[in-house]
Protein backbone atom coordinates (compact mmCIF):
# COMPACT_ATOMS: atom_id res chain seq x y z
CA UNK A 1 -17.24 5.62 -35.26
CA UNK A 2 -15.68 7.96 -34.60
CA UNK A 3 -11.78 8.92 -34.46
CA UNK A 4 -11.40 9.78 -31.55
CA UNK A 5 -13.36 6.05 -31.50
CA UNK A 6 -10.99 3.98 -33.77
CA UNK A 7 -7.94 5.09 -32.42
CA UNK A 8 -8.64 3.74 -29.25
CA UNK A 9 -9.29 0.31 -30.58
CA UNK A 10 -6.31 0.08 -32.62
CA UNK A 11 -3.98 0.76 -29.27
CA UNK A 12 -6.35 -1.74 -28.33
CA UNK A 13 -5.46 -3.78 -30.48
CA UNK A 14 -1.86 -3.76 -29.62
CA UNK A 15 -2.60 -4.74 -26.32
CA UNK A 16 -4.43 -7.59 -27.69
CA UNK A 17 -1.81 -8.61 -30.46
CA UNK A 18 -4.09 -8.79 -32.84
CA UNK A 19 -5.80 -6.72 -35.80
CA UNK A 20 -9.60 -6.95 -36.86
CA UNK A 21 -10.25 -6.71 -40.12
CA UNK A 22 -14.09 -5.10 -38.47
CA UNK A 23 -13.15 -2.31 -36.13
CA UNK A 24 -16.93 -2.17 -35.82
CA UNK A 25 -17.09 -5.91 -34.18
CA UNK A 26 -14.28 -5.11 -31.85
CA UNK A 27 -16.19 -2.21 -31.18
CA UNK A 28 -19.18 -4.53 -31.37
CA UNK A 29 -17.41 -6.79 -28.09
CA UNK A 30 -16.64 -4.06 -25.71
CA UNK A 31 -19.73 -2.56 -26.23
CA UNK A 32 -22.55 -2.49 -22.88
CA UNK A 33 -26.02 -2.82 -23.05
CA UNK A 34 -26.55 0.14 -20.83
CA UNK A 35 -24.51 1.76 -23.69
CA UNK A 36 -26.37 0.52 -26.55
CA UNK A 37 -30.15 1.21 -25.01
CA UNK A 38 -29.26 4.63 -23.35
CA UNK A 39 -28.33 5.87 -27.64
CA UNK A 40 -31.19 6.84 -29.99
CA UNK A 41 -30.01 4.23 -33.40
CA UNK A 42 -31.12 0.46 -33.27
CA UNK A 43 -28.17 -0.53 -34.91
CA UNK A 44 -26.06 -0.17 -32.08
CA UNK A 45 -26.21 -3.84 -30.90
CA UNK A 46 -24.50 -4.73 -27.11
CA UNK A 47 -21.87 -8.02 -26.75
CA UNK A 48 -24.04 -10.58 -25.08
CA UNK A 49 -24.78 -12.44 -28.69
CA UNK A 50 -20.95 -12.24 -28.95
CA UNK A 51 -19.82 -13.68 -25.06
CA UNK A 52 -22.73 -16.51 -25.95
CA UNK A 53 -20.69 -17.72 -27.98
CA UNK A 54 -17.32 -16.57 -27.37
CA UNK A 55 -18.55 -19.29 -24.19
CA UNK A 56 -18.60 -21.08 -26.90
CA UNK A 57 -15.52 -21.42 -28.27
CA UNK A 58 -13.05 -20.67 -24.78
CA UNK A 59 -14.56 -23.30 -23.60
CA UNK A 60 -13.57 -25.92 -27.37
CA UNK A 61 -10.00 -24.61 -27.47
CA UNK A 62 -9.30 -24.76 -23.76
CA UNK A 63 -11.25 -28.42 -23.79
CA UNK A 64 -9.55 -29.71 -26.10
CA UNK A 65 -5.55 -28.23 -25.19
CA UNK A 66 -6.32 -29.68 -21.21
CA UNK A 67 -6.91 -33.24 -22.95
CA UNK A 68 -4.24 -33.23 -24.66
CA UNK A 69 -1.62 -31.64 -22.50
CA UNK A 70 -1.95 -33.68 -19.60
CA UNK A 71 -3.33 -37.20 -21.49
CA UNK A 72 -3.40 -38.83 -17.64
CA UNK A 73 -6.24 -37.72 -15.99
CA UNK A 74 -9.86 -38.62 -15.79
CA UNK A 75 -12.90 -36.54 -16.92
CA UNK A 76 -13.73 -35.45 -13.02
CA UNK A 77 -9.77 -34.23 -12.40
CA UNK A 78 -9.65 -32.32 -16.30
CA UNK A 79 -13.63 -30.99 -15.98
CA UNK A 80 -12.22 -29.25 -12.89
CA UNK A 81 -8.61 -27.93 -14.26
CA UNK A 82 -10.89 -25.91 -17.09
CA UNK A 83 -12.64 -24.60 -14.12
CA UNK A 84 -9.90 -23.31 -12.29
CA UNK A 85 -8.63 -21.45 -16.36
CA UNK A 86 -11.91 -20.46 -17.28
CA UNK A 87 -13.03 -19.13 -13.89
CA UNK A 88 -14.36 -15.67 -14.13
CA UNK A 89 -11.17 -15.04 -11.79
CA UNK A 90 -9.77 -15.55 -14.18
CA UNK A 91 -10.64 -14.39 -17.53
CA UNK A 92 -10.94 -10.80 -14.46
CA UNK A 93 -6.75 -11.43 -14.61
CA UNK A 94 -6.82 -11.57 -18.44
CA UNK A 95 -8.74 -8.95 -19.24
CA UNK A 96 -7.10 -6.74 -17.14
CA UNK A 97 -3.59 -7.23 -17.68
CA UNK A 98 -4.68 -5.90 -21.30
CA UNK A 99 -6.49 -3.12 -19.59
CA UNK A 100 -9.86 -4.05 -22.03
CA UNK A 101 -11.97 -1.55 -18.85
CA UNK A 102 -10.41 1.46 -20.35
CA UNK A 103 -11.91 0.67 -23.68
CA UNK A 104 -15.52 -0.46 -22.72
CA UNK A 105 -18.51 1.98 -23.41
CA UNK A 106 -20.90 2.12 -20.66
CA UNK A 107 -24.02 3.70 -20.38
CA UNK A 108 -23.41 7.59 -18.41
CA UNK A 109 -26.51 5.55 -15.71
CA UNK A 110 -23.70 2.81 -14.90
CA UNK A 111 -20.61 3.83 -14.47
CA UNK A 112 -17.75 2.55 -12.44
CA UNK A 113 -19.03 -1.37 -13.02
CA UNK A 114 -16.30 -1.81 -16.10
CA UNK A 115 -13.97 -2.18 -13.65
CA UNK A 116 -16.42 -5.02 -11.86
CA UNK A 117 -14.93 -9.14 -12.69
CA UNK A 118 -17.58 -10.23 -13.91
CA UNK A 119 -18.40 -7.70 -16.77
CA UNK A 120 -14.90 -7.40 -17.37
CA UNK A 121 -14.98 -11.48 -17.81
CA UNK A 122 -18.25 -11.08 -20.22
CA UNK A 123 -16.04 -8.83 -22.15
CA UNK A 124 -13.25 -10.52 -22.60
CA UNK A 125 -15.70 -13.73 -23.76
CA UNK A 126 -17.00 -11.67 -26.17
CA UNK A 127 -13.67 -10.63 -27.56
CA UNK A 128 -12.93 -14.00 -28.24
CA UNK A 129 -15.74 -14.07 -30.43
CA UNK A 130 -15.29 -11.36 -32.49
CA UNK A 131 -12.52 -12.43 -32.73
CA UNK A 132 -12.98 -15.24 -33.46
CA UNK A 133 -16.14 -14.55 -36.62
CA UNK A 134 -13.73 -12.07 -37.81
CA UNK A 135 -10.50 -14.76 -37.77
CA UNK A 136 -11.68 -17.94 -37.87
CA UNK A 137 -11.03 -20.55 -35.16
CA UNK A 138 -6.81 -21.24 -35.46
CA UNK A 139 -6.65 -17.04 -34.83
CA UNK A 140 -8.35 -17.85 -32.09
CA UNK A 141 -7.41 -20.20 -30.15
CA UNK A 142 -3.52 -18.82 -30.34
CA UNK A 143 -4.83 -15.39 -28.19
CA UNK A 144 -6.25 -17.64 -26.12
CA UNK A 145 -3.99 -19.85 -25.24
CA UNK A 146 -1.12 -17.76 -25.43
CA UNK A 147 -2.71 -16.28 -22.65
CA UNK A 148 -3.79 -19.17 -20.65
CA UNK A 149 -0.69 -20.73 -21.13
CA UNK A 150 0.05 -18.01 -18.80
CA UNK A 151 -2.22 -18.77 -16.92
CA UNK A 152 -1.63 -21.98 -15.76
CA UNK A 153 1.50 -21.79 -15.10
CA UNK A 154 0.41 -18.81 -12.04
CA UNK A 155 -1.45 -21.39 -11.17
CA UNK A 156 2.10 -24.53 -10.97
CA UNK A 157 3.81 -21.42 -9.09
CA UNK A 158 1.36 -21.46 -6.80
CA UNK A 159 1.07 -25.33 -6.38
CA UNK A 160 4.41 -26.27 -7.08
CA UNK A 161 2.84 -29.82 -7.90
CA UNK A 162 6.56 -31.45 -8.79
CA UNK A 163 7.95 -31.01 -5.22
CA UNK A 164 4.53 -31.42 -3.00
CA UNK A 165 4.81 -35.40 -5.47
CA UNK A 166 8.76 -35.51 -4.64
CA UNK A 167 7.27 -35.05 -0.49
CA UNK A 168 4.65 -37.76 -0.64
CA UNK A 169 6.40 -40.19 -2.69
CA UNK A 170 9.39 -39.29 -0.27
CA UNK A 171 7.31 -39.82 2.86
CA UNK A 172 4.51 -42.44 1.61
CA UNK A 173 7.20 -44.23 -0.87
CA UNK A 174 10.30 -44.39 0.35
CA UNK A 175 11.67 -42.78 -3.44
CA UNK A 176 11.38 -40.43 -5.96
CA UNK A 177 9.39 -39.82 -8.85
CA UNK A 178 11.74 -39.95 -11.77
CA UNK A 179 11.21 -38.29 -14.95
CA UNK A 180 11.74 -39.84 -19.09
CA UNK A 181 11.17 -37.81 -21.96
CA UNK A 182 9.84 -39.91 -24.63
CA UNK A 183 9.19 -37.74 -27.29
CA UNK A 184 10.55 -34.83 -28.66
CA UNK A 185 8.75 -33.52 -32.18
CA UNK A 186 8.60 -30.43 -34.23
CA UNK A 187 11.78 -27.83 -35.12
CA UNK A 188 14.55 -27.11 -32.76
CA UNK A 189 12.84 -23.57 -32.51
CA UNK A 190 8.96 -24.68 -31.96
CA UNK A 191 10.30 -28.48 -30.96
CA UNK A 192 7.98 -30.31 -28.22
CA UNK A 193 8.85 -32.94 -25.16
CA UNK A 194 6.81 -35.56 -24.09
CA UNK A 195 7.56 -36.68 -20.63
CA UNK A 196 6.45 -40.08 -17.95
CA UNK A 197 6.62 -39.00 -13.98
CA UNK A 198 7.16 -43.32 -12.85
CA UNK A 199 7.42 -43.94 -8.49
CA UNK A 200 8.73 -47.64 -7.84
CA UNK A 201 8.47 -48.64 -11.39
CA UNK A 202 5.22 -47.26 -12.48
CA UNK A 203 3.98 -44.12 -14.43
CA UNK A 204 2.41 -42.32 -12.76
CA UNK A 205 1.71 -39.81 -15.26
CA UNK A 206 2.47 -37.58 -18.40
CA UNK A 207 2.21 -34.93 -19.93
CA UNK A 208 3.55 -32.23 -23.49
CA UNK A 209 5.35 -29.47 -23.04
CA UNK A 210 7.46 -26.50 -24.79
CA UNK A 211 10.39 -27.02 -22.38
CA UNK A 212 11.87 -29.92 -20.54
CA UNK A 213 11.35 -29.32 -17.41
CA UNK A 214 7.94 -27.30 -17.95
CA UNK A 215 6.59 -31.13 -19.23
CA UNK A 216 7.79 -32.20 -16.31
CA UNK A 217 5.52 -30.24 -14.91
CA UNK A 218 2.45 -30.57 -16.11
CA UNK A 219 3.65 -34.87 -15.82
CA UNK A 220 3.58 -34.04 -12.41
CA UNK A 221 0.12 -32.31 -11.86
CA UNK A 222 -1.56 -35.63 -13.75
CA UNK A 223 -0.01 -37.72 -10.99
CA UNK A 224 -0.09 -34.72 -7.82
CA UNK A 225 -4.11 -35.44 -9.72
CA UNK A 226 -3.86 -39.36 -9.82
CA UNK A 227 -2.75 -39.74 -5.44
CA UNK A 228 -4.70 -36.75 -4.52
CA UNK A 229 -8.25 -39.20 -6.02
CA UNK A 230 -6.85 -42.82 -5.26
CA UNK A 231 -8.45 -44.88 -2.70
CA UNK A 232 -5.32 -45.86 -2.06
CA UNK A 233 -4.39 -42.93 -1.06
CA UNK A 234 -4.96 -41.68 3.19
CA UNK A 235 -4.01 -37.62 3.48
CA UNK A 236 -3.73 -38.73 7.72
CA UNK A 237 -1.50 -40.80 7.25
CA UNK A 238 0.36 -37.69 4.93
CA UNK A 239 0.47 -35.77 8.40
CA UNK A 240 0.28 -37.84 10.66
CA UNK A 241 3.79 -38.87 9.06
CA UNK A 242 4.88 -34.57 8.72
CA UNK A 243 4.18 -34.36 12.48
CA UNK A 244 6.43 -37.54 13.31
CA UNK A 245 8.99 -36.04 11.80
CA UNK A 246 8.65 -31.94 13.21
CA UNK A 247 8.32 -33.77 16.98
CA UNK A 248 10.78 -35.60 17.08
CA UNK A 249 12.63 -32.00 16.20
CA UNK A 250 10.93 -29.64 18.32
């Protein structure tokens, strides 16, 4: 490995927040097949095997996190949320945040493809695979969740589940959701809270969070997912109430 390449990888490590024991493993995670094939050295490997491993680690860590964070969601609801988090769009977004495209080794005949979503998503998974081999599952888990919790919050900003849930319950049930902290664990500097949300005295959802506010958002999302999958929920009824409300105030 050249000194220039080593310097670039050390720079990337700072962006990743992780120091690899083997820089060669990180280098492989950033080597596209077009580059590996364009060299005369048979010892150069591309990232495809690491991507395969990283995908499996990503699926495990994300599934475990969602299983614990959203105890009120069904298997189907958890699968949909996981699909959003590990989608090509989400992974490429994470990759762009740490500028992975700047560190990829691409064959000269393929220059420019390092900006493609699919390639960035693959490279992100390959880095996860390399990190798992180099540092183990716990380090890989922290790396994944530190970034995916941010992605969850971005999703929550777009879908303000607390507001949607309150609007629905006010229109349909003539009440507002009530949030209650039922458990707090951990030291003061690193507490986790468990919150349940009740509507009409019944528990509709619950969730964990690193703050009461975040736990409430998770509980609201859990409840809202149930609303959307409830056979008794009629979206036309809700739209009708909204329309009647608007027509009475032109």
